[in-house]
Amino acid sequence: MIEQLQMVIPPLPRLAPHFIRKGDELVVFLHGLWRSHGAMKPLARHLSQHQFSTLNLPYASFLESFDQITESLISELEPIVSDFQKVHFVTHSMGGIVLRHLLAAWRPETLGQIVMIAPPNRGSAIVDWASESPLTRFILGPAGSQLHPSYCQSMTPFFNDSVGVPLCIIMGNRPTIPFVQWLLNDVNDGIVTVEEGKLRWAQEFHIVNADHTFMMAHPEVKRLTLAFFCTNNQKECQNSVSYTYKGLSK
């Protein structure tokens, strides 16, 4: 219960990044809209137990535009990434779109693997509906209001087959927010549908029995994330699980 409460703490002012130094590979965590870095703590803790250094970054998800968020994240990351052999990213929800903006503007030379959890890569039907109201546009903020299908699908991808950045996408199929289900015609986690998360160049695509809000604490999400990083790095990770790549045809 305490862990779940920490995961839904809103983005309070002056939250500092949470950094744990363990090994020579760094995992950067980016939370979603109206969340704080507390949302990513269970997964960050799990990876740090397996000798990954972790950097859990808060950002003003509902106050700033994608460009402003990107500028802020670059200032946080530039001084630290050169200390590590590889820099990986784990994102949740809108954090995946934030990462796409970030890596389109700035890319560490030591970029490693990426795990996206419940990302609206093809846009959000909920945002399409909610942005019709001035009140809900205000609540979504400058970045959240941009998560239309037309906007997200027109974004230039920062990774593709030629770049060779390993990407794993993990989606949920357990909706726990019933009042928006009439908007979502596909399998979904209560906020994002499985279809909305797809990118055709993902090397792995998994669906787990989890809801949107607490996916980062789900045991299967933890295992899949750790296994993806370990498999691609030939890294010895205790209790990790190996999974076969599941490529997407569309």
Protein backbone atom coordinates (compact mmCIF):
# COMPACT_ATOMS: atom_id res chain seq x y z
CA MET A 1 0.00 0.00 0.00
CA ILE A 2 2.81 2.45 0.89
CA GLU A 3 4.54 1.69 -2.40
CA GLN A 4 1.35 2.38 -4.35
CA LEU A 5 0.83 5.67 -2.53
CA GLN A 6 4.38 6.73 -3.41
CA MET A 7 3.71 5.89 -7.05
CA VAL A 8 0.77 8.32 -7.34
CA ILE A 9 2.40 11.29 -5.61
CA PRO A 10 1.87 14.31 -7.89
CA PRO A 11 4.82 16.33 -9.20
CA LEU A 12 5.66 18.50 -6.20
CA PRO A 13 7.90 21.59 -6.59
CA ARG A 14 11.65 21.24 -6.17
CA LEU A 15 11.76 17.46 -6.33
CA ALA A 16 15.37 16.41 -6.79
CA PRO A 17 16.54 13.59 -9.08
CA HIS A 18 17.10 10.30 -7.32
CA PHE A 19 20.48 8.78 -8.24
CA ILE A 20 21.93 5.46 -7.10
CA ARG A 21 25.38 4.50 -8.32
CA LYS A 22 26.02 0.78 -8.61
CA GLY A 23 27.58 -0.37 -11.89
CA ASP A 24 29.03 1.09 -15.09
CA GLU A 25 25.66 1.06 -16.91
CA LEU A 26 23.14 3.79 -16.14
CA VAL A 27 19.35 3.45 -16.48
CA VAL A 28 17.45 6.75 -16.75
CA PHE A 29 13.77 6.71 -15.74
CA LEU A 30 11.13 9.09 -17.15
CA HIS A 31 7.66 9.07 -15.56
CA GLY A 32 4.35 10.01 -17.17
CA LEU A 33 1.87 12.88 -17.02
CA TRP A 34 0.93 14.22 -13.58
CA ARG A 35 3.30 11.81 -11.87
CA SER A 36 6.58 12.20 -10.03
CA HIS A 37 9.66 10.02 -9.99
CA GLY A 38 7.98 8.07 -7.19
CA ALA A 39 6.04 6.29 -9.94
CA MET A 40 9.27 4.71 -11.21
CA LYS A 41 10.83 3.82 -7.85
CA PRO A 42 9.80 0.14 -7.73
CA LEU A 43 11.40 -0.58 -11.08
CA ALA A 44 14.44 1.58 -10.38
CA ARG A 45 14.96 -0.24 -7.09
CA HIS A 46 14.72 -3.60 -8.86
CA LEU A 47 17.37 -2.71 -11.44
CA SER A 48 19.72 -1.21 -8.85
CA GLN A 49 19.57 -4.53 -6.99
CA HIS A 50 21.04 -6.06 -10.14
CA GLN A 51 23.98 -3.66 -10.25
CA PHE A 52 22.61 -1.06 -12.65
CA SER A 53 23.13 2.56 -11.68
CA THR A 54 19.79 4.39 -11.77
CA LEU A 55 18.80 8.01 -12.33
CA ASN A 56 15.14 8.74 -11.65
CA LEU A 57 14.36 12.17 -13.13
CA PRO A 58 11.37 14.32 -12.17
CA TYR A 59 10.15 16.87 -14.72
CA ALA A 60 7.28 19.35 -15.03
CA SER A 61 5.03 17.07 -17.03
CA PHE A 62 1.89 19.21 -16.84
CA LEU A 63 3.45 22.69 -16.84
CA GLU A 64 5.91 22.69 -19.74
CA SER A 65 5.95 21.93 -23.44
CA PHE A 66 7.91 19.02 -24.88
CA ASP A 67 10.64 21.43 -25.98
CA GLN A 68 10.95 22.89 -22.48
CA ILE A 69 11.00 19.46 -20.88
CA THR A 70 13.66 18.35 -23.36
CA GLU A 71 15.88 21.33 -22.56
CA SER A 72 15.57 20.65 -18.84
CA LEU A 73 16.41 16.94 -19.20
CA ILE A 74 19.45 17.63 -21.36
CA SER A 75 20.85 19.94 -18.67
CA GLU A 76 20.41 17.15 -16.11
CA LEU A 77 21.88 14.37 -18.27
CA GLU A 78 24.82 15.96 -20.06
CA PRO A 79 27.07 16.23 -16.99
CA ILE A 80 26.59 12.61 -15.95
CA VAL A 81 26.30 10.31 -18.98
CA SER A 82 29.99 10.38 -19.86
CA ASP A 83 30.74 8.55 -16.60
CA PHE A 84 29.03 5.39 -17.84
CA GLN A 85 29.77 2.78 -20.49
CA LYS A 86 26.11 2.61 -21.50
CA VAL A 87 23.03 4.76 -20.89
CA HIS A 88 19.64 3.04 -21.05
CA PHE A 89 16.16 4.50 -20.71
CA VAL A 90 12.93 3.25 -19.13
CA THR A 91 9.79 5.31 -19.65
CA HIS A 92 6.16 5.19 -18.59
CA SER A 93 3.21 6.56 -20.57
CA MET A 94 3.92 10.13 -21.77
CA GLY A 95 7.53 9.62 -20.70
CA GLY A 96 7.95 7.60 -23.90
CA ILE A 97 6.98 10.59 -26.03
CA VAL A 98 9.24 12.79 -23.92
CA LEU A 99 12.09 10.39 -24.69
CA ARG A 100 11.37 10.55 -28.42
CA HIS A 101 11.68 14.34 -28.24
CA LEU A 102 14.80 14.14 -26.10
CA LEU A 103 16.69 11.76 -28.38
CA ALA A 104 15.65 13.66 -31.49
CA ALA A 105 17.41 16.71 -30.02
CA TRP A 106 20.28 15.05 -28.13
CA ARG A 107 21.67 11.53 -28.12
CA PRO A 108 24.35 10.21 -25.76
CA GLU A 109 27.19 8.46 -27.57
CA THR A 110 26.78 5.54 -25.19
CA LEU A 111 23.04 5.07 -25.83
CA GLY A 112 22.07 1.51 -24.97
CA GLN A 113 18.59 -0.04 -24.73
CA ILE A 114 15.14 1.45 -24.33
CA VAL A 115 12.12 0.02 -22.52
CA MET A 116 8.80 1.83 -22.98
CA ILE A 117 5.97 0.95 -20.60
CA ALA A 118 2.45 1.82 -21.82
CA PRO A 119 3.57 4.53 -24.27
CA PRO A 120 0.97 6.32 -26.45
CA ASN A 121 3.26 6.07 -29.48
CA ARG A 122 0.35 6.35 -31.89
CA GLY A 123 -1.43 9.01 -29.86
CA SER A 124 -4.21 8.83 -27.29
CA ALA A 125 -7.94 8.56 -27.96
CA ILE A 126 -8.55 9.91 -24.46
CA VAL A 127 -6.51 13.04 -25.19
CA ASP A 128 -8.37 13.48 -28.48
CA TRP A 129 -11.64 13.50 -26.56
CA ALA A 130 -10.45 15.46 -23.50
CA SER A 131 -8.74 18.26 -25.42
CA GLU A 132 -12.09 19.46 -26.75
CA SER A 133 -12.71 21.12 -23.38
CA PRO A 134 -10.69 24.15 -22.16
CA LEU A 135 -10.72 22.72 -18.63
CA THR A 136 -9.29 19.35 -19.61
CA ARG A 137 -6.74 21.02 -21.91
CA PHE A 138 -5.60 22.99 -18.87
CA ILE A 139 -5.35 19.81 -16.80
CA LEU A 140 -3.39 17.99 -19.53
CA GLY A 141 -0.96 20.90 -19.85
CA PRO A 142 1.06 21.97 -22.91
CA ALA A 143 2.73 18.59 -23.52
CA GLY A 144 -0.19 16.34 -22.60
CA SER A 145 -2.53 18.27 -24.88
CA GLN A 146 -0.32 17.35 -27.84
CA LEU A 147 -0.79 13.60 -27.51
CA HIS A 148 -3.19 13.42 -30.45
CA PRO A 149 -2.82 10.50 -32.88
CA SER A 150 -1.99 12.90 -35.72
CA TYR A 151 0.84 14.49 -33.73
CA CYS A 152 2.41 11.33 -32.31
CA GLN A 153 2.26 9.43 -35.61
CA SER A 154 3.87 12.31 -37.50
CA MET A 155 6.88 12.44 -35.18
CA THR A 156 10.19 11.52 -36.78
CA PRO A 157 11.36 8.34 -35.03
CA PHE A 158 14.65 8.65 -33.21
CA PHE A 159 15.41 4.98 -33.67
CA ASN A 160 14.93 2.56 -36.53
CA ASP A 161 16.53 -0.52 -37.99
CA SER A 162 19.50 1.39 -39.36
CA VAL A 163 20.28 3.05 -36.03
CA GLY A 164 20.07 -0.28 -34.23
CA VAL A 165 18.83 0.87 -30.83
CA PRO A 166 17.17 -2.12 -29.12
CA LEU A 167 13.62 -1.24 -28.11
CA CYS A 168 11.18 -3.17 -25.93
CA ILE A 169 7.55 -2.07 -25.49
CA ILE A 170 5.40 -3.41 -22.64
CA MET A 171 1.64 -2.83 -22.65
CA GLY A 172 -1.09 -3.69 -20.16
CA ASN A 173 -4.50 -5.30 -20.69
CA ARG A 174 -6.25 -4.75 -17.36
CA PRO A 175 -8.46 -1.64 -17.39
CA THR A 176 -9.33 -0.28 -13.95
CA ILE A 177 -10.92 3.04 -14.99
CA PRO A 178 -14.38 2.10 -16.24
CA PHE A 179 -15.71 5.54 -17.19
CA VAL A 180 -13.35 5.90 -20.18
CA GLN A 181 -13.87 2.42 -21.60
CA TRP A 182 -16.42 3.65 -24.13
CA LEU A 183 -13.60 5.64 -25.77
CA LEU A 184 -11.23 2.68 -26.04
CA ASN A 185 -12.33 0.07 -28.54
CA ASP A 186 -9.25 -2.10 -28.21
CA VAL A 187 -7.52 -4.06 -25.47
CA ASN A 188 -6.23 -1.47 -23.02
CA ASP A 189 -4.83 -0.78 -19.55
CA GLY A 190 -7.47 1.82 -18.67
CA ILE A 191 -5.63 4.72 -20.35
CA VAL A 192 -3.65 3.50 -23.37
CA THR A 193 -4.68 0.78 -25.82
CA VAL A 194 -2.32 -1.93 -27.01
CA GLU A 195 -2.57 -0.58 -30.58
CA GLU A 196 -1.64 2.93 -29.45
CA GLY A 197 1.63 1.64 -28.04
CA LYS A 198 2.97 -0.02 -31.19
CA LEU A 199 6.06 0.99 -33.13
CA ARG A 200 6.91 -1.35 -36.00
CA TRP A 201 10.66 -1.33 -35.34
CA ALA A 202 10.37 -2.54 -31.74
CA GLN A 203 12.41 -5.70 -31.22
CA GLU A 204 10.16 -6.89 -28.41
CA PHE A 205 6.49 -6.25 -27.74
CA HIS A 206 4.81 -7.72 -24.67
CA ILE A 207 1.34 -7.56 -23.14
CA VAL A 208 1.02 -8.14 -19.40
CA ASN A 209 -1.99 -8.43 -17.11
CA ALA A 210 -1.52 -5.02 -15.50
CA ASP A 211 -3.22 -1.64 -15.25
CA HIS A 212 -1.74 1.65 -16.41
CA THR A 213 -1.14 3.27 -13.03
CA PHE A 214 0.90 0.59 -11.31
CA MET A 215 2.54 -1.29 -14.20
CA MET A 216 6.04 -0.31 -13.07
CA ALA A 217 5.61 -2.37 -9.89
CA HIS A 218 4.25 -5.44 -11.66
CA PRO A 219 6.56 -8.48 -11.25
CA GLU A 220 6.30 -9.39 -14.94
CA VAL A 221 7.26 -5.87 -16.02
CA LYS A 222 10.27 -6.00 -13.72
CA ARG A 223 11.36 -9.37 -15.14
CA LEU A 224 10.89 -8.31 -18.76
CA THR A 225 12.81 -5.07 -18.28
CA LEU A 226 15.73 -6.74 -16.53
CA ALA A 227 15.85 -9.57 -19.07
CA PHE A 228 15.88 -7.14 -21.99
CA PHE A 229 18.83 -5.20 -20.61
CA CYS A 230 20.74 -8.34 -19.64
CA THR A 231 20.16 -10.18 -22.93
CA ASN A 232 21.30 -7.28 -25.09
CA ASN A 233 24.42 -6.69 -23.01
CA GLN A 234 25.39 -10.32 -22.35
CA LYS A 235 25.28 -9.13 -18.75
CA GLU A 236 25.04 -11.63 -15.92
CA CYS A 237 21.88 -10.73 -14.02
CA GLN A 238 20.85 -12.94 -11.15
CA ASN A 239 17.28 -14.26 -11.46
CA SER A 240 16.82 -12.65 -14.87
CA VAL A 241 14.60 -14.33 -17.44
CA SER A 242 15.41 -14.67 -21.13
CA TYR A 243 12.63 -13.91 -23.62
CA THR A 244 12.48 -14.42 -27.35
CA TYR A 245 12.21 -11.29 -29.49
CA LYS A 246 8.71 -10.54 -30.67
CA GLY A 247 8.93 -8.26 -33.69
CA LEU A 248 5.97 -6.33 -35.03
CA SER A 249 4.78 -6.55 -38.60
CA LYS A 250 2.80 -3.32 -38.46
